[in-house]
Amino acid sequence: MNRQFEDRGLGRKKLPVEKLKQCPLCGSLNARKNENCFVCGWHGQFDTDQEMLSLALQEMVEQCPGIVEILGQSPEQRKGLLQRMLKILKRQKDDFDIAA
């Protein structure tokens, strides 16, 4: 395992690269169960090389260190986080609608 992930609090937990695939068009990481890329809509062959996915995940963590906390949480905790994030986005949208 990459030492960088250990230093950020994941310890020896296995990274979820086996559940990911990467869009060859835009480079976004997607869940393997997604039929289309959630960013660009690509529908076709995705990259699933474990080493490449690990590097992409490492790059994502470098760009957004807070993602480590999410990766270390159980699915139940992530659901709550997602709900909170959606609530914040909805609030921002409502604020934008009022200002417009």
N, C-alpha and C. Protein backbone atom coordinates (compact mmCIF):
# COMPACT_ATOMS: atom_id res chain seq x y z
N MET A 1 0.84 -1.18 0.00
CA MET A 1 0.00 0.00 0.00
C MET A 1 0.88 1.24 0.00
N ASN A 2 0.40 2.26 -0.59
CA ASN A 2 1.14 3.50 -0.68
C ASN A 2 1.24 4.14 0.70
N ARG A 3 2.42 4.51 1.08
CA ARG A 3 2.68 5.12 2.39
C ARG A 3 1.87 6.39 2.59
N GLN A 4 1.65 7.12 1.50
CA GLN A 4 0.94 8.38 1.59
C GLN A 4 -0.46 8.19 2.18
N PHE A 5 -1.14 7.11 1.82
CA PHE A 5 -2.47 6.86 2.35
C PHE A 5 -2.40 6.49 3.83
N GLU A 6 -1.35 5.77 4.23
CA GLU A 6 -1.19 5.43 5.63
C GLU A 6 -1.01 6.70 6.46
N ASP A 7 -0.21 7.63 5.95
CA ASP A 7 0.05 8.87 6.67
C ASP A 7 -1.20 9.73 6.81
N ARG A 8 -2.15 9.56 5.96
CA ARG A 8 -3.35 10.37 5.99
C ARG A 8 -4.48 9.70 6.75
N GLY A 9 -4.23 8.60 7.42
CA GLY A 9 -5.23 8.05 8.31
C GLY A 9 -5.94 6.81 7.84
N LEU A 10 -5.61 6.26 6.68
CA LEU A 10 -6.28 5.04 6.25
C LEU A 10 -5.63 3.79 6.81
N GLY A 11 -4.44 3.93 7.40
CA GLY A 11 -3.78 2.77 7.97
C GLY A 11 -3.58 1.70 6.92
N ARG A 12 -3.94 0.48 7.25
CA ARG A 12 -3.76 -0.65 6.34
C ARG A 12 -5.04 -1.02 5.60
N LYS A 13 -6.04 -0.14 5.62
CA LYS A 13 -7.27 -0.43 4.90
C LYS A 13 -6.99 -0.53 3.41
N LYS A 14 -7.67 -1.45 2.77
CA LYS A 14 -7.50 -1.62 1.34
C LYS A 14 -8.24 -0.51 0.61
N LEU A 15 -7.55 0.11 -0.33
CA LEU A 15 -8.18 1.15 -1.12
C LEU A 15 -9.22 0.52 -2.04
N PRO A 16 -10.27 1.24 -2.35
CA PRO A 16 -11.38 0.66 -3.11
C PRO A 16 -11.17 0.61 -4.62
N VAL A 17 -9.94 0.42 -5.09
CA VAL A 17 -9.70 0.44 -6.53
C VAL A 17 -10.41 -0.69 -7.26
N GLU A 18 -10.70 -1.79 -6.57
CA GLU A 18 -11.39 -2.89 -7.24
C GLU A 18 -12.84 -2.54 -7.54
N LYS A 19 -13.34 -1.45 -6.96
CA LYS A 19 -14.71 -1.00 -7.21
C LYS A 19 -14.76 0.19 -8.15
N LEU A 20 -13.60 0.55 -8.71
CA LEU A 20 -13.51 1.73 -9.55
C LEU A 20 -13.12 1.39 -10.98
N LYS A 21 -13.38 2.33 -11.86
CA LYS A 21 -12.89 2.31 -13.23
C LYS A 21 -12.66 3.76 -13.63
N GLN A 22 -11.84 3.96 -14.64
CA GLN A 22 -11.49 5.32 -15.02
C GLN A 22 -11.96 5.59 -16.45
N CYS A 23 -12.55 6.73 -16.63
CA CYS A 23 -13.04 7.14 -17.95
C CYS A 23 -11.84 7.47 -18.85
N PRO A 24 -11.76 6.84 -20.02
CA PRO A 24 -10.65 7.14 -20.92
C PRO A 24 -10.79 8.50 -21.60
N LEU A 25 -11.98 9.07 -21.56
CA LEU A 25 -12.21 10.35 -22.22
C LEU A 25 -11.82 11.53 -21.35
N CYS A 26 -12.32 11.54 -20.09
CA CYS A 26 -12.05 12.69 -19.21
C CYS A 26 -11.14 12.36 -18.03
N GLY A 27 -10.88 11.06 -17.79
CA GLY A 27 -9.98 10.65 -16.71
C GLY A 27 -10.63 10.55 -15.34
N SER A 28 -11.94 10.77 -15.25
CA SER A 28 -12.62 10.71 -13.96
C SER A 28 -12.75 9.28 -13.46
N LEU A 29 -12.64 9.13 -12.14
CA LEU A 29 -12.88 7.84 -11.53
C LEU A 29 -14.37 7.64 -11.37
N ASN A 30 -14.83 6.45 -11.72
CA ASN A 30 -16.25 6.10 -11.65
C ASN A 30 -16.39 4.80 -10.89
N ALA A 31 -17.56 4.58 -10.32
CA ALA A 31 -17.86 3.27 -9.74
C ALA A 31 -17.99 2.28 -10.90
N ARG A 32 -17.52 1.07 -10.69
CA ARG A 32 -17.61 0.06 -11.76
C ARG A 32 -19.03 -0.20 -12.20
N LYS A 33 -19.99 -0.01 -11.29
CA LYS A 33 -21.37 -0.30 -11.64
C LYS A 33 -21.97 0.78 -12.54
N ASN A 34 -21.35 1.96 -12.64
CA ASN A 34 -21.85 3.01 -13.53
C ASN A 34 -21.72 2.57 -14.98
N GLU A 35 -22.78 2.73 -15.74
CA GLU A 35 -22.70 2.42 -17.16
C GLU A 35 -22.08 3.57 -17.93
N ASN A 36 -22.39 4.79 -17.50
CA ASN A 36 -21.85 5.99 -18.15
C ASN A 36 -20.97 6.74 -17.17
N CYS A 37 -20.00 7.48 -17.72
CA CYS A 37 -19.17 8.34 -16.87
C CYS A 37 -20.06 9.41 -16.27
N PHE A 38 -19.98 9.61 -14.96
CA PHE A 38 -20.83 10.59 -14.32
C PHE A 38 -20.40 12.02 -14.62
N VAL A 39 -19.20 12.21 -15.19
CA VAL A 39 -18.73 13.56 -15.51
C VAL A 39 -19.04 13.93 -16.96
N CYS A 40 -18.61 13.08 -17.89
CA CYS A 40 -18.74 13.44 -19.31
C CYS A 40 -19.77 12.61 -20.07
N GLY A 41 -20.30 11.56 -19.44
CA GLY A 41 -21.31 10.74 -20.10
C GLY A 41 -20.76 9.63 -20.98
N TRP A 42 -19.45 9.43 -21.00
CA TRP A 42 -18.84 8.39 -21.81
C TRP A 42 -19.54 7.05 -21.57
N HIS A 43 -19.80 6.34 -22.65
CA HIS A 43 -20.40 5.01 -22.57
C HIS A 43 -19.58 4.11 -23.47
N GLY A 44 -18.82 3.27 -22.88
CA GLY A 44 -17.95 2.38 -23.64
C GLY A 44 -16.95 1.70 -22.72
N GLN A 45 -15.82 1.37 -23.26
CA GLN A 45 -14.77 0.68 -22.50
C GLN A 45 -14.12 1.66 -21.51
N PHE A 46 -14.03 1.26 -20.26
CA PHE A 46 -13.36 2.04 -19.22
C PHE A 46 -12.03 1.36 -18.88
N ASP A 47 -11.10 2.13 -18.34
CA ASP A 47 -9.81 1.60 -17.89
C ASP A 47 -9.99 1.00 -16.50
N THR A 48 -9.49 -0.23 -16.31
CA THR A 48 -9.64 -0.91 -15.02
C THR A 48 -8.32 -1.42 -14.46
N ASP A 49 -7.21 -0.97 -15.00
CA ASP A 49 -5.90 -1.39 -14.52
C ASP A 49 -5.72 -0.92 -13.07
N GLN A 50 -5.50 -1.87 -12.16
CA GLN A 50 -5.43 -1.57 -10.72
C GLN A 50 -4.33 -0.55 -10.38
N GLU A 51 -3.19 -0.67 -11.01
CA GLU A 51 -2.09 0.25 -10.73
C GLU A 51 -2.44 1.66 -11.19
N MET A 52 -3.03 1.78 -12.36
CA MET A 52 -3.43 3.08 -12.89
C MET A 52 -4.52 3.70 -12.01
N LEU A 53 -5.45 2.88 -11.55
CA LEU A 53 -6.50 3.38 -10.67
C LEU A 53 -5.94 3.85 -9.34
N SER A 54 -4.96 3.13 -8.81
CA SER A 54 -4.32 3.55 -7.56
C SER A 54 -3.65 4.91 -7.72
N LEU A 55 -2.99 5.10 -8.86
CA LEU A 55 -2.34 6.39 -9.11
C LEU A 55 -3.37 7.51 -9.25
N ALA A 56 -4.47 7.23 -9.94
CA ALA A 56 -5.52 8.23 -10.09
C ALA A 56 -6.15 8.57 -8.74
N LEU A 57 -6.33 7.56 -7.90
CA LEU A 57 -6.89 7.79 -6.58
C LEU A 57 -5.91 8.59 -5.72
N GLN A 58 -4.64 8.29 -5.83
CA GLN A 58 -3.61 9.03 -5.10
C GLN A 58 -3.61 10.49 -5.54
N GLU A 59 -3.72 10.72 -6.84
CA GLU A 59 -3.77 12.09 -7.34
C GLU A 59 -5.00 12.83 -6.82
N MET A 60 -6.12 12.13 -6.75
CA MET A 60 -7.34 12.74 -6.22
C MET A 60 -7.15 13.14 -4.76
N VAL A 61 -6.50 12.29 -3.98
CA VAL A 61 -6.26 12.59 -2.57
C VAL A 61 -5.31 13.77 -2.43
N GLU A 62 -4.33 13.88 -3.32
CA GLU A 62 -3.42 15.01 -3.27
C GLU A 62 -4.15 16.31 -3.56
N GLN A 63 -5.12 16.27 -4.49
CA GLN A 63 -5.87 17.46 -4.85
C GLN A 63 -6.95 17.79 -3.83
N CYS A 64 -7.45 16.76 -3.15
CA CYS A 64 -8.55 16.95 -2.18
C CYS A 64 -8.30 16.07 -0.97
N PRO A 65 -7.44 16.50 -0.05
CA PRO A 65 -7.07 15.66 1.10
C PRO A 65 -8.25 15.22 1.96
N GLY A 66 -9.32 15.95 1.97
CA GLY A 66 -10.49 15.57 2.75
C GLY A 66 -11.13 14.27 2.30
N ILE A 67 -10.81 13.82 1.10
CA ILE A 67 -11.38 12.57 0.58
C ILE A 67 -10.95 11.38 1.42
N VAL A 68 -9.82 11.48 2.10
CA VAL A 68 -9.33 10.38 2.93
C VAL A 68 -10.31 10.09 4.05
N GLU A 69 -10.89 11.14 4.63
CA GLU A 69 -11.87 10.93 5.69
C GLU A 69 -13.07 10.17 5.16
N ILE A 70 -13.50 10.48 3.96
CA ILE A 70 -14.64 9.80 3.36
C ILE A 70 -14.30 8.35 3.07
N LEU A 71 -13.10 8.10 2.55
CA LEU A 71 -12.69 6.73 2.25
C LEU A 71 -12.59 5.87 3.50
N GLY A 72 -12.28 6.50 4.62
CA GLY A 72 -12.14 5.76 5.86
C GLY A 72 -13.45 5.51 6.59
N GLN A 73 -14.55 6.04 6.08
CA GLN A 73 -15.84 5.89 6.75
C GLN A 73 -16.59 4.68 6.24
N SER A 74 -17.50 4.21 7.06
CA SER A 74 -18.37 3.12 6.63
C SER A 74 -19.41 3.67 5.66
N PRO A 75 -20.06 2.80 4.86
CA PRO A 75 -21.07 3.29 3.91
C PRO A 75 -22.20 4.08 4.59
N GLU A 76 -22.56 3.70 5.82
CA GLU A 76 -23.62 4.42 6.52
C GLU A 76 -23.19 5.85 6.81
N GLN A 77 -21.93 6.04 7.21
CA GLN A 77 -21.43 7.37 7.48
C GLN A 77 -21.35 8.19 6.21
N ARG A 78 -20.94 7.57 5.10
CA ARG A 78 -20.84 8.29 3.83
C ARG A 78 -22.21 8.76 3.38
N LYS A 79 -23.23 7.96 3.61
CA LYS A 79 -24.58 8.35 3.21
C LYS A 79 -24.97 9.64 3.92
N GLY A 80 -24.68 9.73 5.19
CA GLY A 80 -24.97 10.95 5.93
C GLY A 80 -24.19 12.13 5.39
N LEU A 81 -22.94 11.91 5.03
CA LEU A 81 -22.12 12.97 4.46
C LEU A 81 -22.71 13.42 3.13
N LEU A 82 -23.12 12.48 2.31
CA LEU A 82 -23.71 12.81 1.02
C LEU A 82 -24.98 13.64 1.22
N GLN A 83 -25.79 13.24 2.16
CA GLN A 83 -27.02 13.99 2.43
C GLN A 83 -26.70 15.41 2.88
N ARG A 84 -25.67 15.56 3.72
CA ARG A 84 -25.28 16.89 4.17
C ARG A 84 -24.77 17.73 3.01
N MET A 85 -23.97 17.11 2.13
CA MET A 85 -23.43 17.84 0.97
C MET A 85 -24.56 18.27 0.04
N LEU A 86 -25.53 17.40 -0.19
CA LEU A 86 -26.67 17.75 -1.04
C LEU A 86 -27.47 18.89 -0.44
N LYS A 87 -27.61 18.88 0.87
CA LYS A 87 -28.33 19.95 1.56
C LYS A 87 -27.60 21.28 1.37
N ILE A 88 -26.28 21.26 1.49
CA ILE A 88 -25.48 22.48 1.30
C ILE A 88 -25.63 22.98 -0.14
N LEU A 89 -25.53 22.06 -1.11
CA LEU A 89 -25.66 22.46 -2.51
C LEU A 89 -27.04 23.02 -2.80
N LYS A 90 -28.07 22.41 -2.21
CA LYS A 90 -29.43 22.91 -2.42
C LYS A 90 -29.56 24.31 -1.82
N ARG A 91 -28.98 24.50 -0.66
CA ARG A 91 -29.02 25.81 -0.01
C ARG A 91 -28.33 26.86 -0.88
N GLN A 92 -27.17 26.49 -1.46
CA GLN A 92 -26.46 27.42 -2.33
C GLN A 92 -27.28 27.74 -3.57
N LYS A 93 -27.94 26.74 -4.12
CA LYS A 93 -28.80 26.93 -5.29
C LYS A 93 -29.94 27.88 -4.95
N ASP A 94 -30.57 27.65 -3.79
CA ASP A 94 -31.66 28.52 -3.36
C ASP A 94 -31.18 29.96 -3.17
N ASP A 95 -29.98 30.13 -2.59
CA ASP A 95 -29.42 31.46 -2.41
C ASP A 95 -29.18 32.12 -3.76
N PHE A 96 -28.71 31.34 -4.73
CA PHE A 96 -28.45 31.85 -6.08
C PHE A 96 -29.77 32.26 -6.74
N ASP A 97 -30.80 31.43 -6.59
CA ASP A 97 -32.11 31.73 -7.18
C ASP A 97 -32.69 33.02 -6.61
N ILE A 98 -32.50 33.23 -5.31
CA ILE A 98 -33.03 34.43 -4.67
C ILE A 98 -32.28 35.67 -5.16
N ALA A 99 -30.95 35.55 -5.33
CA ALA A 99 -30.13 36.68 -5.76
C ALA A 99 -30.39 37.03 -7.23
N ALA A 100 -30.83 36.07 -8.01
CA ALA A 100 -31.02 36.32 -9.45
C ALA A 100 -32.26 37.03 -9.77
